[in-house]
């Protein structure tokens, strides 16, 4: 599927980070995901404050963020990151290694 045709109103992103690919406490920015469909954008970054951050931007509606401190994650083992979002259910949830670690209410109007 062409990324520009993606529907930003509901979805899931999940991926593994292999050992040694990210140092979780180095105070550096590490981009992980960036998608820009026609009706918004989603992106995830390990930021300079050592937090994993997910941003959901729905054009003309608003933005919702979730974050989680990853300083204590062991860079020598593989980790799974996932985020689910649903405008209909008004919720974003972030998972690390299968556990819900952060969530936020989405306050945009659902078309």
PDB file of N, CA and C in Angstrom:
ATOM      1  N   UNK A   1       0.834  -1.175   0.000  1.00  0.00           N
ATOM      2  CA  UNK A   1       0.000   0.000   0.000  1.00  0.00           C
ATOM      3  C   UNK A   1       0.885   1.247   0.000  1.00  0.00           C
ATOM      4  N   UNK A   2       0.480   2.219  -0.744  1.00  0.00           N
ATOM      5  CA  UNK A   2       1.145   3.516  -0.776  1.00  0.00           C
ATOM      6  C   UNK A   2       0.888   4.225   0.553  1.00  0.00           C
ATOM      7  N   UNK A   3       1.952   4.703   1.229  1.00  0.00           N
ATOM      8  CA  UNK A   3       1.813   5.367   2.533  1.00  0.00           C
ATOM      9  C   UNK A   3       0.849   6.547   2.498  1.00  0.00           C
ATOM     10  N   UNK A   4       0.778   7.244   1.370  1.00  0.00           N
ATOM     11  CA  UNK A   4      -0.098   8.408   1.293  1.00  0.00           C
ATOM     12  C   UNK A   4      -1.573   8.013   1.323  1.00  0.00           C
ATOM     13  N   UNK A   5      -1.882   6.750   1.046  1.00  0.00           N
ATOM     14  CA  UNK A   5      -3.265   6.277   1.059  1.00  0.00           C
ATOM     15  C   UNK A   5      -3.673   5.711   2.416  1.00  0.00           C
ATOM     16  N   UNK A   6      -2.753   5.660   3.358  1.00  0.00           N
ATOM     17  CA  UNK A   6      -3.033   5.142   4.678  1.00  0.00           C
ATOM     18  C   UNK A   6      -4.083   6.000   5.386  1.00  0.00           C
ATOM     19  N   UNK A   7      -4.944   5.372   6.162  1.00  0.00           N
ATOM     20  CA  UNK A   7      -5.962   6.101   6.923  1.00  0.00           C
ATOM     21  C   UNK A   7      -5.460   6.270   8.345  1.00  0.00           C
ATOM     22  N   UNK A   8      -5.277   7.505   8.758  1.00  0.00           N
ATOM     23  CA  UNK A   8      -4.682   7.811  10.056  1.00  0.00           C
ATOM     24  C   UNK A   8      -5.667   7.692  11.212  1.00  0.00           C
ATOM     25  N   UNK A   9      -6.931   7.411  10.922  1.00  0.00           N
ATOM     26  CA  UNK A   9      -7.935   7.387  11.985  1.00  0.00           C
ATOM     27  C   UNK A   9      -7.816   6.188  12.919  1.00  0.00           C
ATOM     28  N   UNK A  10      -7.213   5.092  12.438  1.00  0.00           N
ATOM     29  CA  UNK A  10      -7.083   3.900  13.281  1.00  0.00           C
ATOM     30  C   UNK A  10      -5.947   3.047  12.758  1.00  0.00           C
ATOM     31  N   UNK A  11      -5.149   2.479  13.676  1.00  0.00           N
ATOM     32  CA  UNK A  11      -4.080   1.622  13.214  1.00  0.00           C
ATOM     33  C   UNK A  11      -3.183   1.117  14.331  1.00  0.00           C
ATOM     34  N   UNK A  12      -2.195   0.351  13.911  1.00  0.00           N
ATOM     35  CA  UNK A  12      -1.190  -0.219  14.813  1.00  0.00           C
ATOM     36  C   UNK A  12       0.147  -0.211  14.095  1.00  0.00           C
ATOM     37  N   UNK A  13       1.173   0.139  14.831  1.00  0.00           N
ATOM     38  CA  UNK A  13       2.550   0.007  14.355  1.00  0.00           C
ATOM     39  C   UNK A  13       3.266  -0.852  15.385  1.00  0.00           C
ATOM     40  N   UNK A  14       3.984  -1.862  14.924  1.00  0.00           N
ATOM     41  CA  UNK A  14       4.803  -2.655  15.846  1.00  0.00           C
ATOM     42  C   UNK A  14       6.088  -3.051  15.145  1.00  0.00           C
ATOM     43  N   UNK A  15       7.167  -3.099  15.915  1.00  0.00           N
ATOM     44  CA  UNK A  15       8.459  -3.469  15.347  1.00  0.00           C
ATOM     45  C   UNK A  15       9.411  -3.881  16.454  1.00  0.00           C
ATOM     46  N   UNK A  16      10.413  -4.660  16.065  1.00  0.00           N
ATOM     47  CA  UNK A  16      11.474  -5.090  16.977  1.00  0.00           C
ATOM     48  C   UNK A  16      12.692  -4.201  16.787  1.00  0.00           C
ATOM     49  N   UNK A  17      13.376  -3.897  17.881  1.00  0.00           N
ATOM     50  CA  UNK A  17      14.675  -3.233  17.827  1.00  0.00           C
ATOM     51  C   UNK A  17      15.701  -4.275  18.250  1.00  0.00           C
ATOM     52  N   UNK A  18      16.593  -4.586  17.341  1.00  0.00           N
ATOM     53  CA  UNK A  18      17.597  -5.621  17.589  1.00  0.00           C
ATOM     54  C   UNK A  18      18.680  -5.128  18.554  1.00  0.00           C
ATOM     55  N   UNK A  19      19.322  -6.057  19.264  1.00  0.00           N
ATOM     56  CA  UNK A  19      20.382  -5.677  20.214  1.00  0.00           C
ATOM     57  C   UNK A  19      21.451  -4.809  19.554  1.00  0.00           C
ATOM     58  N   UNK A  20      21.837  -3.756  20.264  1.00  0.00           N
ATOM     59  CA  UNK A  20      22.912  -2.881  19.791  1.00  0.00           C
ATOM     60  C   UNK A  20      22.496  -1.805  18.811  1.00  0.00           C
ATOM     61  N   UNK A  21      21.235  -1.808  18.354  1.00  0.00           N
ATOM     62  CA  UNK A  21      20.809  -0.802  17.376  1.00  0.00           C
ATOM     63  C   UNK A  21      20.483   0.552  17.991  1.00  0.00           C
ATOM     64  N   UNK A  22      20.054   0.578  19.255  1.00  0.00           N
ATOM     65  CA  UNK A  22      19.735   1.831  19.932  1.00  0.00           C
ATOM     66  C   UNK A  22      20.333   1.804  21.329  1.00  0.00           C
ATOM     67  N   UNK A  23      21.001   2.882  21.694  1.00  0.00           N
ATOM     68  CA  UNK A  23      21.425   3.081  23.079  1.00  0.00           C
ATOM     69  C   UNK A  23      20.324   3.924  23.706  1.00  0.00           C
ATOM     70  N   UNK A  24      19.653   3.370  24.704  1.00  0.00           N
ATOM     71  CA  UNK A  24      18.451   4.011  25.229  1.00  0.00           C
ATOM     72  C   UNK A  24      18.722   5.154  26.201  1.00  0.00           C
ATOM     73  N   UNK A  25      19.957   5.289  26.675  1.00  0.00           N
ATOM     74  CA  UNK A  25      20.258   6.350  27.653  1.00  0.00           C
ATOM     75  C   UNK A  25      21.404   7.248  27.204  1.00  0.00           C
ATOM     76  N   UNK A  26      21.514   7.491  25.884  1.00  0.00           N
ATOM     77  CA  UNK A  26      22.635   8.274  25.354  1.00  0.00           C
ATOM     78  C   UNK A  26      22.312   9.759  25.133  1.00  0.00           C
ATOM     79  N   UNK A  27      21.107  10.180  25.483  1.00  0.00           N
ATOM     80  CA  UNK A  27      20.689  11.574  25.295  1.00  0.00           C
ATOM     81  C   UNK A  27      20.770  12.041  23.843  1.00  0.00           C
ATOM     82  N   UNK A  28      20.604  11.106  22.906  1.00  0.00           N
ATOM     83  CA  UNK A  28      20.612  11.445  21.485  1.00  0.00           C
ATOM     84  C   UNK A  28      19.246  11.162  20.879  1.00  0.00           C
ATOM     85  N   UNK A  29      18.938  11.867  19.813  1.00  0.00           N
ATOM     86  CA  UNK A  29      17.689  11.663  19.087  1.00  0.00           C
ATOM     87  C   UNK A  29      17.873  10.523  18.086  1.00  0.00           C
ATOM     88  N   UNK A  30      16.951   9.555  18.122  1.00  0.00           N
ATOM     89  CA  UNK A  30      16.968   8.445  17.177  1.00  0.00           C
ATOM     90  C   UNK A  30      15.580   8.317  16.559  1.00  0.00           C
ATOM     91  N   UNK A  31      15.395   8.752  15.315  1.00  0.00           N
ATOM     92  CA  UNK A  31      14.096   8.591  14.654  1.00  0.00           C
ATOM     93  C   UNK A  31      13.811   7.107  14.414  1.00  0.00           C
ATOM     94  N   UNK A  32      12.569   6.692  14.633  1.00  0.00           N
ATOM     95  CA  UNK A  32      12.204   5.288  14.468  1.00  0.00           C
ATOM     96  C   UNK A  32      11.142   5.076  13.392  1.00  0.00           C
ATOM     97  N   UNK A  33      10.109   5.909  13.370  1.00  0.00           N
ATOM     98  CA  UNK A  33       9.006   5.765  12.410  1.00  0.00           C
ATOM     99  C   UNK A  33       8.564   7.152  11.971  1.00  0.00           C
ATOM    100  N   UNK A  34       8.304   7.295  10.672  1.00  0.00           N
ATOM    101  CA  UNK A  34       7.689   8.521  10.156  1.00  0.00           C
ATOM    102  C   UNK A  34       6.827   8.157   8.967  1.00  0.00           C
ATOM    103  N   UNK A  35       5.521   8.410   9.095  1.00  0.00           N
ATOM    104  CA  UNK A  35       4.578   8.179   8.007  1.00  0.00           C
ATOM    105  C   UNK A  35       3.754   9.439   7.829  1.00  0.00           C
ATOM    106  N   UNK A  36       3.547   9.819   6.583  1.00  0.00           N
ATOM    107  CA  UNK A  36       2.824  11.049   6.281  1.00  0.00           C
ATOM    108  C   UNK A  36       1.702  10.794   5.282  1.00  0.00           C
ATOM    109  N   UNK A  37       0.637  10.126   5.714  1.00  0.00           N
ATOM    110  CA  UNK A  37      -0.500   9.971   4.810  1.00  0.00           C
ATOM    111  C   UNK A  37      -1.143  11.322   4.535  1.00  0.00           C
ATOM    112  N   UNK A  38      -2.066  11.351   3.595  1.00  0.00           N
ATOM    113  CA  UNK A  38      -2.631  12.633   3.162  1.00  0.00           C
ATOM    114  C   UNK A  38      -3.421  13.364   4.243  1.00  0.00           C
ATOM    115  N   UNK A  39      -3.912  12.656   5.268  1.00  0.00           N
ATOM    116  CA  UNK A  39      -4.738  13.336   6.270  1.00  0.00           C
ATOM    117  C   UNK A  39      -4.029  13.554   7.604  1.00  0.00           C
ATOM    118  N   UNK A  40      -2.690  13.433   7.631  1.00  0.00           N
ATOM    119  CA  UNK A  40      -1.964  13.688   8.868  1.00  0.00           C
ATOM    120  C   UNK A  40      -0.580  13.075   8.853  1.00  0.00           C
ATOM    121  N   UNK A  41      -0.064  12.808  10.057  1.00  0.00           N
ATOM    122  CA  UNK A  41       1.235  12.156  10.162  1.00  0.00           C
ATOM    123  C   UNK A  41       1.334  11.436  11.494  1.00  0.00           C
ATOM    124  N   UNK A  42       2.166  10.423  11.500  1.00  0.00           N
ATOM    125  CA  UNK A  42       2.510   9.726  12.725  1.00  0.00           C
ATOM    126  C   UNK A  42       4.019   9.547  12.727  1.00  0.00           C
ATOM    127  N   UNK A  43       4.598   9.728  13.880  1.00  0.00           N
ATOM    128  CA  UNK A  43       6.025   9.478  13.981  1.00  0.00           C
ATOM    129  C   UNK A  43       6.390   9.085  15.396  1.00  0.00           C
ATOM    130  N   UNK A  44       7.508   8.347  15.479  1.00  0.00           N
ATOM    131  CA  UNK A  44       8.015   7.873  16.754  1.00  0.00           C
ATOM    132  C   UNK A  44       9.509   8.121  16.779  1.00  0.00           C
ATOM    133  N   UNK A  45       9.999   8.562  17.933  1.00  0.00           N
ATOM    134  CA  UNK A  45      11.395   8.905  18.090  1.00  0.00           C
ATOM    135  C   UNK A  45      11.849   8.543  19.501  1.00  0.00           C
ATOM    136  N   UNK A  46      13.103   8.134  19.651  1.00  0.00           N
ATOM    137  CA  UNK A  46      13.738   8.082  20.971  1.00  0.00           C
ATOM    138  C   UNK A  46      14.414   9.428  21.078  1.00  0.00           C
ATOM    139  N   UNK A  47      13.909  10.275  21.973  1.00  0.00           N
ATOM    140  CA  UNK A  47      14.323  11.675  22.015  1.00  0.00           C
ATOM    141  C   UNK A  47      15.546  11.884  22.908  1.00  0.00           C
ATOM    142  N   UNK A  48      16.075  13.105  22.898  1.00  0.00           N
ATOM    143  CA  UNK A  48      17.290  13.436  23.658  1.00  0.00           C
ATOM    144  C   UNK A  48      17.084  13.374  25.167  1.00  0.00           C
ATOM    145  N   UNK A  49      15.831  13.310  25.614  1.00  0.00           N
ATOM    146  CA  UNK A  49      15.563  13.132  27.048  1.00  0.00           C
ATOM    147  C   UNK A  49      15.376  11.651  27.399  1.00  0.00           C
ATOM    148  N   UNK A  50      15.764  10.768  26.458  1.00  0.00           N
ATOM    149  CA  UNK A  50      15.711   9.308  26.627  1.00  0.00           C
ATOM    150  C   UNK A  50      14.295   8.796  26.834  1.00  0.00           C
ATOM    151  N   UNK A  51      13.354   9.439  26.155  1.00  0.00           N
ATOM    152  CA  UNK A  51      11.975   8.971  26.174  1.00  0.00           C
ATOM    153  C   UNK A  51      11.572   8.559  24.771  1.00  0.00           C
ATOM    154  N   UNK A  52      10.845   7.458  24.695  1.00  0.00           N
ATOM    155  CA  UNK A  52      10.244   7.027  23.452  1.00  0.00           C
ATOM    156  C   UNK A  52       8.970   7.846  23.295  1.00  0.00           C
ATOM    157  N   UNK A  53       8.840   8.564  22.176  1.00  0.00           N
ATOM    158  CA  UNK A  53       7.696   9.450  21.964  1.00  0.00           C
ATOM    159  C   UNK A  53       6.996   9.099  20.665  1.00  0.00           C
ATOM    160  N   UNK A  54       5.667   9.054  20.742  1.00  0.00           N
ATOM    161  CA  UNK A  54       4.825   8.808  19.576  1.00  0.00           C
ATOM    162  C   UNK A  54       3.901  10.004  19.411  1.00  0.00           C
ATOM    163  N   UNK A  55       3.832  10.530  18.189  1.00  0.00           N
ATOM    164  CA  UNK A  55       3.009  11.695  17.881  1.00  0.00           C
ATOM    165  C   UNK A  55       1.984  11.316  16.814  1.00  0.00           C
ATOM    166  N   UNK A  56       0.731  11.632  17.055  1.00  0.00           N
ATOM    167  CA  UNK A  56      -0.352  11.395  16.101  1.00  0.00           C
ATOM    168  C   UNK A  56      -0.930  12.756  15.739  1.00  0.00           C
ATOM    169  N   UNK A  57      -0.795  13.131  14.488  1.00  0.00           N
ATOM    170  CA  UNK A  57      -1.285  14.425  14.016  1.00  0.00           C
ATOM    171  C   UNK A  57      -2.355  14.177  12.967  1.00  0.00           C
ATOM    172  N   UNK A  58      -3.556  14.648  13.245  1.00  0.00           N
ATOM    173  CA  UNK A  58      -4.670  14.525  12.302  1.00  0.00           C
ATOM    174  C   UNK A  58      -4.934  15.927  11.762  1.00  0.00           C
ATOM    175  N   UNK A  59      -4.629  16.145  10.503  1.00  0.00           N
ATOM    176  CA  UNK A  59      -4.709  17.480   9.910  1.00  0.00           C
ATOM    177  C   UNK A  59      -6.075  18.115  10.116  1.00  0.00           C
ATOM    178  N   UNK A  60      -6.040  19.337  10.597  1.00  0.00           N
ATOM    179  CA  UNK A  60      -7.255  20.084  10.825  1.00  0.00           C
ATOM    180  C   UNK A  60      -8.006  19.697  12.085  1.00  0.00           C
ATOM    181  N   UNK A  61      -7.516  18.674  12.815  1.00  0.00           N
ATOM    182  CA  UNK A  61      -8.213  18.196  14.011  1.00  0.00           C
ATOM    183  C   UNK A  61      -7.390  18.390  15.274  1.00  0.00           C
ATOM    184  N   UNK A  62      -6.080  18.049  15.231  1.00  0.00           N
ATOM    185  CA  UNK A  62      -5.245  18.203  16.411  1.00  0.00           C
ATOM    186  C   UNK A  62      -4.110  17.196  16.467  1.00  0.00           C
ATOM    187  N   UNK A  63      -3.460  17.150  17.634  1.00  0.00           N
ATOM    188  CA  UNK A  63      -2.299  16.277  17.840  1.00  0.00           C
ATOM    189  C   UNK A  63      -2.403  15.660  19.232  1.00  0.00           C
ATOM    190  N   UNK A  64      -2.030  14.377  19.328  1.00  0.00           N
ATOM    191  CA  UNK A  64      -1.965  13.679  20.606  1.00  0.00           C
ATOM    192  C   UNK A  64      -0.629  12.958  20.684  1.00  0.00           C
ATOM    193  N   UNK A  65       0.018  13.022  21.844  1.00  0.00           N
ATOM    194  CA  UNK A  65       1.329  12.405  22.047  1.00  0.00           C
ATOM    195  C   UNK A  65       1.273  11.430  23.223  1.00  0.00           C
ATOM    196  N   UNK A  66       2.111  10.394  23.153  1.00  0.00           N
ATOM    197  CA  UNK A  66       2.367   9.527  24.303  1.00  0.00           C
ATOM    198  C   UNK A  66       3.877   9.359  24.405  1.00  0.00           C
ATOM    199  N   UNK A  67       4.363   9.125  25.618  1.00  0.00           N
ATOM    200  CA  UNK A  67       5.809   8.956  25.798  1.00  0.00           C
ATOM    201  C   UNK A  67       6.088   7.990  26.941  1.00  0.00           C
ATOM    202  N   UNK A  68       7.316   7.439  26.916  1.00  0.00           N
ATOM    203  CA  UNK A  68       7.735   6.479  27.931  1.00  0.00           C
ATOM    204  C   UNK A  68       9.256   6.577  28.105  1.00  0.00           C
ATOM    205  N   UNK A  69       9.704   6.633  29.335  1.00  0.00           N
ATOM    206  CA  UNK A  69      11.136   6.711  29.641  1.00  0.00           C
ATOM    207  C   UNK A  69      11.786   5.348  29.381  1.00  0.00           C
ATOM    208  N   UNK A  70      12.739   5.294  28.443  1.00  0.00           N
ATOM    209  CA  UNK A  70      13.389   4.039  28.066  1.00  0.00           C
ATOM    210  C   UNK A  70      14.811   3.924  28.617  1.00  0.00           C
ATOM    211  N   UNK A  71      15.181   4.818  29.532  1.00  0.00           N
ATOM    212  CA  UNK A  71      16.544   4.834  30.077  1.00  0.00           C
ATOM    213  C   UNK A  71      16.979   3.481  30.608  1.00  0.00           C
ATOM    214  N   UNK A  72      16.070   2.757  31.236  1.00  0.00           N
ATOM    215  CA  UNK A  72      16.449   1.497  31.884  1.00  0.00           C
ATOM    216  C   UNK A  72      16.397   0.284  30.950  1.00  0.00           C
ATOM    217  N   UNK A  73      15.999   0.454  29.686  1.00  0.00           N
ATOM    218  CA  UNK A  73      15.972  -0.694  28.771  1.00  0.00           C
ATOM    219  C   UNK A  73      17.393  -1.145  28.448  1.00  0.00           C
ATOM    220  N   UNK A  74      17.583  -2.443  28.435  1.00  0.00           N
ATOM    221  CA  UNK A  74      18.891  -3.037  28.149  1.00  0.00           C
ATOM    222  C   UNK A  74      19.127  -3.037  26.638  1.00  0.00           C
ATOM    223  N   UNK A  75      20.144  -2.315  26.148  1.00  0.00           N
ATOM    224  CA  UNK A  75      20.395  -2.280  24.706  1.00  0.00           C
ATOM    225  C   UNK A  75      20.984  -3.586  24.163  1.00  0.00           C
ATOM    226  N   UNK A  76      21.339  -4.511  25.045  1.00  0.00           N
ATOM    227  CA  UNK A  76      21.940  -5.773  24.621  1.00  0.00           C
ATOM    228  C   UNK A  76      20.905  -6.854  24.319  1.00  0.00           C
ATOM    229  N   UNK A  77      19.625  -6.555  24.550  1.00  0.00           N
ATOM    230  CA  UNK A  77      18.579  -7.525  24.207  1.00  0.00           C
ATOM    231  C   UNK A  77      17.576  -6.875  23.261  1.00  0.00           C
ATOM    232  N   UNK A  78      16.847  -7.712  22.520  1.00  0.00           N
ATOM    233  CA  UNK A  78      15.878  -7.152  21.576  1.00  0.00           C
ATOM    234  C   UNK A  78      14.615  -6.736  22.313  1.00  0.00           C
ATOM    235  N   UNK A  79      14.019  -5.655  21.834  1.00  0.00           N
ATOM    236  CA  UNK A  79      12.805  -5.103  22.432  1.00  0.00           C
ATOM    237  C   UNK A  79      11.758  -4.901  21.347  1.00  0.00           C
ATOM    238  N   UNK A  80      10.497  -5.106  21.731  1.00  0.00           N
ATOM    239  CA  UNK A  80       9.392  -4.854  20.813  1.00  0.00           C
ATOM    240  C   UNK A  80       8.677  -3.581  21.237  1.00  0.00           C
ATOM    241  N   UNK A  81       8.442  -2.710  20.265  1.00  0.00           N
ATOM    242  CA  UNK A  81       7.683  -1.488  20.475  1.00  0.00           C
ATOM    243  C   UNK A  81       6.413  -1.562  19.625  1.00  0.00           C
ATOM    244  N   UNK A  82       5.308  -1.091  20.186  1.00  0.00           N
ATOM    245  CA  UNK A  82       4.047  -1.055  19.443  1.00  0.00           C
ATOM    246  C   UNK A  82       3.217   0.127  19.927  1.00  0.00           C
ATOM    247  N   UNK A  83       2.418   0.653  19.017  1.00  0.00           N
ATOM    248  CA  UNK A  83       1.460   1.709  19.346  1.00  0.00           C
ATOM    249  C   UNK A  83       0.183   1.402  18.583  1.00  0.00           C
ATOM    250  N   UNK A  84      -0.941   1.514  19.286  1.00  0.00           N
ATOM    251  CA  UNK A  84      -2.242   1.407  18.642  1.00  0.00           C
ATOM    252  C   UNK A  84      -2.980   2.722  18.843  1.00  0.00           C
ATOM    253  N   UNK A  85      -3.792   3.093  17.874  1.00  0.00           N
ATOM    254  CA  UNK A  85      -4.573   4.308  18.006  1.00  0.00           C
ATOM    255  C   UNK A  85      -5.920   4.128  17.314  1.00  0.00           C
ATOM    256  N   UNK A  86      -6.923   4.794  17.860  1.00  0.00           N
ATOM    257  CA  UNK A  86      -8.263   4.747  17.294  1.00  0.00           C
ATOM    258  C   UNK A  86      -8.995   6.037  17.637  1.00  0.00           C
ATOM    259  N   UNK A  87      -9.359   6.786  16.613  1.00  0.00           N
ATOM    260  CA  UNK A  87     -10.159   7.981  16.852  1.00  0.00           C
ATOM    261  C   UNK A  87     -11.549   7.610  17.346  1.00  0.00           C
ATOM    262  N   UNK A  88     -12.095   6.518  16.817  1.00  0.00           N
ATOM    263  CA  UNK A  88     -13.424   6.068  17.236  1.00  0.00           C
ATOM    264  C   UNK A  88     -13.447   5.750  18.733  1.00  0.00           C
ATOM    265  N   UNK A  89     -12.390   5.070  19.230  1.00  0.00           N
ATOM    266  CA  UNK A  89     -12.302   4.719  20.653  1.00  0.00           C
ATOM    267  C   UNK A  89     -11.621   5.804  21.487  1.00  0.00           C
ATOM    268  N   UNK A  90     -11.150   6.864  20.815  1.00  0.00           N
ATOM    269  CA  UNK A  90     -10.522   8.019  21.462  1.00  0.00           C
ATOM    270  C   UNK A  90      -9.332   7.644  22.335  1.00  0.00           C
ATOM    271  N   UNK A  91      -8.422   6.793  21.817  1.00  0.00           N
ATOM    272  CA  UNK A  91      -7.348   6.300  22.645  1.00  0.00           C
ATOM    273  C   UNK A  91      -6.099   5.981  21.824  1.00  0.00           C
ATOM    274  N   UNK A  92      -4.937   6.311  22.391  1.00  0.00           N
ATOM    275  CA  UNK A  92      -3.632   5.861  21.888  1.00  0.00           C
ATOM    276  C   UNK A  92      -2.981   5.094  23.025  1.00  0.00           C
ATOM    277  N   UNK A  93      -2.412   3.923  22.708  1.00  0.00           N
ATOM    278  CA  UNK A  93      -1.734   3.115  23.719  1.00  0.00           C
ATOM    279  C   UNK A  93      -0.365   2.712  23.180  1.00  0.00           C
ATOM    280  N   UNK A  94       0.672   2.902  23.996  1.00  0.00           N
ATOM    281  CA  UNK A  94       2.034   2.495  23.652  1.00  0.00           C
ATOM    282  C   UNK A  94       2.397   1.249  24.464  1.00  0.00           C
ATOM    283  N   UNK A  95       3.048   0.296  23.784  1.00  0.00           N
ATOM    284  CA  UNK A  95       3.489  -0.944  24.419  1.00  0.00           C
ATOM    285  C   UNK A  95       4.996  -1.095  24.252  1.00  0.00           C
ATOM    286  N   UNK A  96       5.650  -1.586  25.289  1.00  0.00           N
ATOM    287  CA  UNK A  96       7.060  -1.959  25.213  1.00  0.00           C
ATOM    288  C   UNK A  96       7.161  -3.389  25.732  1.00  0.00           C
ATOM    289  N   UNK A  97       7.712  -4.259  24.896  1.00  0.00           N
ATOM    290  CA  UNK A  97       7.858  -5.673  25.240  1.00  0.00           C
ATOM    291  C   UNK A  97       6.532  -6.289  25.690  1.00  0.00           C
ATOM    292  N   UNK A  98       5.447  -5.922  25.002  1.00  0.00           N
ATOM    293  CA  UNK A  98       4.141  -6.515  25.245  1.00  0.00           C
ATOM    294  C   UNK A  98       3.351  -5.926  26.397  1.00  0.00           C
ATOM    295  N   UNK A  99       3.910  -4.951  27.096  1.00  0.00           N
ATOM    296  CA  UNK A  99       3.214  -4.338  28.226  1.00  0.00           C
ATOM    297  C   UNK A  99       2.796  -2.919  27.882  1.00  0.00           C
ATOM    298  N   UNK A 100       1.567  -2.584  28.247  1.00  0.00           N
ATOM    299  CA  UNK A 100       1.093  -1.216  28.063  1.00  0.00           C
ATOM    300  C   UNK A 100       1.870  -0.303  29.010  1.00  0.00           C
ATOM    301  N   UNK A 101       2.535   0.730  28.448  1.00  0.00           N
ATOM    302  CA  UNK A 101       3.378   1.597  29.268  1.00  0.00           C
ATOM    303  C   UNK A 101       2.926   3.050  29.275  1.00  0.00           C
ATOM    304  N   UNK A 102       2.074   3.423  28.318  1.00  0.00           N
ATOM    305  CA  UNK A 102       1.620   4.813  28.254  1.00  0.00           C
ATOM    306  C   UNK A 102       0.367   4.872  27.396  1.00  0.00           C
ATOM    307  N   UNK A 103      -0.548   5.758  27.769  1.00  0.00           N
ATOM    308  CA  UNK A 103      -1.719   5.958  26.931  1.00  0.00           C
ATOM    309  C   UNK A 103      -2.237   7.384  27.077  1.00  0.00           C
ATOM    310  N   UNK A 104      -3.023   7.763  26.089  1.00  0.00           N
ATOM    311  CA  UNK A 104      -3.572   9.123  26.084  1.00  0.00           C
ATOM    312  C   UNK A 104      -4.940   9.106  25.420  1.00  0.00           C
ATOM    313  N   UNK A 105      -5.772  10.024  25.852  1.00  0.00           N
ATOM    314  CA  UNK A 105      -7.077  10.212  25.224  1.00  0.00           C
ATOM    315  C   UNK A 105      -6.925  11.081  23.980  1.00  0.00           C
ATOM    316  N   UNK A 106      -7.594  10.701  22.920  1.00  0.00           N
ATOM    317  CA  UNK A 106      -7.642  11.507  21.705  1.00  0.00           C
ATOM    318  C   UNK A 106      -8.911  12.350  21.786  1.00  0.00           C
ATOM    319  N   UNK A 107      -8.769  13.638  21.605  1.00  0.00           N
ATOM    320  CA  UNK A 107      -9.909  14.532  21.731  1.00  0.00           C
ATOM    321  C   UNK A 107     -10.316  15.180  20.420  1.00  0.00           C
ATOM    322  N   UNK A 108     -10.065  14.494  19.288  1.00  0.00           N
ATOM    323  CA  UNK A 108     -10.488  15.038  18.007  1.00  0.00           C
ATOM    324  C   UNK A 108     -11.914  14.531  17.737  1.00  0.00           C
ATOM    325  N   UNK A 109     -12.636  15.257  16.916  1.00  0.00           N
ATOM    326  CA  UNK A 109     -13.955  14.772  16.520  1.00  0.00           C
ATOM    327  C   UNK A 109     -13.773  13.639  15.521  1.00  0.00           C
ATOM    328  N   UNK A 110     -14.540  12.592  15.676  1.00  0.00           N
ATOM    329  CA  UNK A 110     -14.482  11.429  14.779  1.00  0.00           C
ATOM    330  C   UNK A 110     -15.480  11.624  13.649  1.00  0.00           C
ATOM    331  N   UNK A 111     -14.987  11.572  12.409  1.00  0.00           N
ATOM    332  CA  UNK A 111     -15.891  11.805  11.268  1.00  0.00           C
ATOM    333  C   UNK A 111     -16.861  10.662  11.044  1.00  0.00           C
TER     334      UNK A 111
END
